[in-house]
């Protein structure tokens, strides 16, 4: 799983997740960005195209309704 840690967390906290691909906001080039970023969490079984394609329309719909600071999960949790 990929994890992006906010810059307000200690840098060494990333070592607490050795089984995951963990980066910080600074590494991703987001240092200094306000917490007004909107996020779409794509919850597919894998990152393979055959698992992502069925979610494409839902992602587009989420993008069209996305508000500043919102967090949307695709597909929505039940």
Protein backbone atom coordinates (compact mmCIF):
# COMPACT_ATOMS: atom_id res chain seq x y z
CA UNK A 1 0.00 0.00 0.00
CA UNK A 2 1.17 3.52 -0.72
CA UNK A 3 1.04 5.98 2.16
CA UNK A 4 1.61 9.72 1.97
CA UNK A 5 2.42 11.28 5.33
CA UNK A 6 1.56 14.89 6.05
CA UNK A 7 4.51 17.19 6.70
CA UNK A 8 3.36 17.82 10.27
CA UNK A 9 4.36 14.25 11.19
CA UNK A 10 7.93 13.35 12.18
CA UNK A 11 10.00 12.24 9.18
CA UNK A 12 11.15 9.07 10.91
CA UNK A 13 7.53 7.96 11.42
CA UNK A 14 7.70 6.57 7.87
CA UNK A 15 9.89 3.74 9.18
CA UNK A 16 6.92 2.49 11.21
CA UNK A 17 5.43 0.99 8.04
CA UNK A 18 8.16 -1.28 6.65
CA UNK A 19 5.76 -3.32 4.52
CA UNK A 20 4.43 -0.25 2.70
CA UNK A 21 5.63 2.33 0.20
CA UNK A 22 5.73 5.41 2.42
CA UNK A 23 6.65 8.93 1.37
CA UNK A 24 6.29 12.34 2.91
CA UNK A 25 4.71 15.50 1.56
CA UNK A 26 8.20 16.98 1.26
CA UNK A 27 9.40 14.06 -0.91
CA UNK A 28 6.28 14.33 -3.10
CA UNK A 29 6.87 18.06 -3.63
CA UNK A 30 3.86 19.15 -1.55
CA UNK A 31 5.83 20.86 1.25
CA UNK A 32 4.11 24.04 2.35
CA UNK A 33 0.81 23.26 0.64
CA UNK A 34 -2.24 24.05 2.70
CA UNK A 35 -4.46 21.26 3.97
CA UNK A 36 -7.05 22.39 1.45
CA UNK A 37 -5.99 19.62 -0.91
CA UNK A 38 -8.79 17.40 -2.08
CA UNK A 39 -8.20 13.68 -2.19
CA UNK A 40 -9.78 10.84 -4.11
CA UNK A 41 -8.92 7.47 -2.64
CA UNK A 42 -9.11 4.81 -5.32
CA UNK A 43 -9.75 1.49 -3.59
CA UNK A 44 -9.11 -1.09 -6.30
CA UNK A 45 -7.97 -4.65 -5.58
CA UNK A 46 -4.71 -3.96 -7.49
CA UNK A 47 -3.17 -1.19 -9.55
CA UNK A 48 -3.64 -3.24 -12.70
CA UNK A 49 -5.61 -1.71 -15.55
CA UNK A 50 -8.31 -4.39 -15.44
CA UNK A 51 -9.09 -3.46 -11.82
CA UNK A 52 -8.92 0.31 -12.41
CA UNK A 53 -10.95 0.62 -15.62
CA UNK A 54 -14.29 -0.31 -13.99
CA UNK A 55 -13.78 2.61 -11.57
CA UNK A 56 -12.99 5.25 -14.22
CA UNK A 57 -16.54 6.62 -14.50
CA UNK A 58 -16.87 6.88 -10.71
CA UNK A 59 -13.54 8.73 -10.54
CA UNK A 60 -14.71 11.20 -13.21
CA UNK A 61 -17.96 11.75 -11.30
CA UNK A 62 -15.99 12.34 -8.11
CA UNK A 63 -13.75 14.86 -9.88
CA UNK A 64 -16.79 16.76 -11.15
CA UNK A 65 -18.26 17.13 -7.64
CA UNK A 66 -15.03 17.41 -5.65
CA UNK A 67 -14.99 20.29 -3.18
CA UNK A 68 -11.89 21.84 -1.67
CA UNK A 69 -10.63 19.80 1.27
CA UNK A 70 -12.93 16.85 0.54
CA UNK A 71 -11.92 13.22 0.77
CA UNK A 72 -13.85 10.84 -1.47
CA UNK A 73 -13.43 7.07 -1.67
CA UNK A 74 -14.05 5.28 -4.98
CA UNK A 75 -15.91 3.00 -4.83
CA UNK A 76 -17.83 4.39 -1.87
CA UNK A 77 -17.71 2.36 1.33
CA UNK A 78 -20.81 0.39 2.09
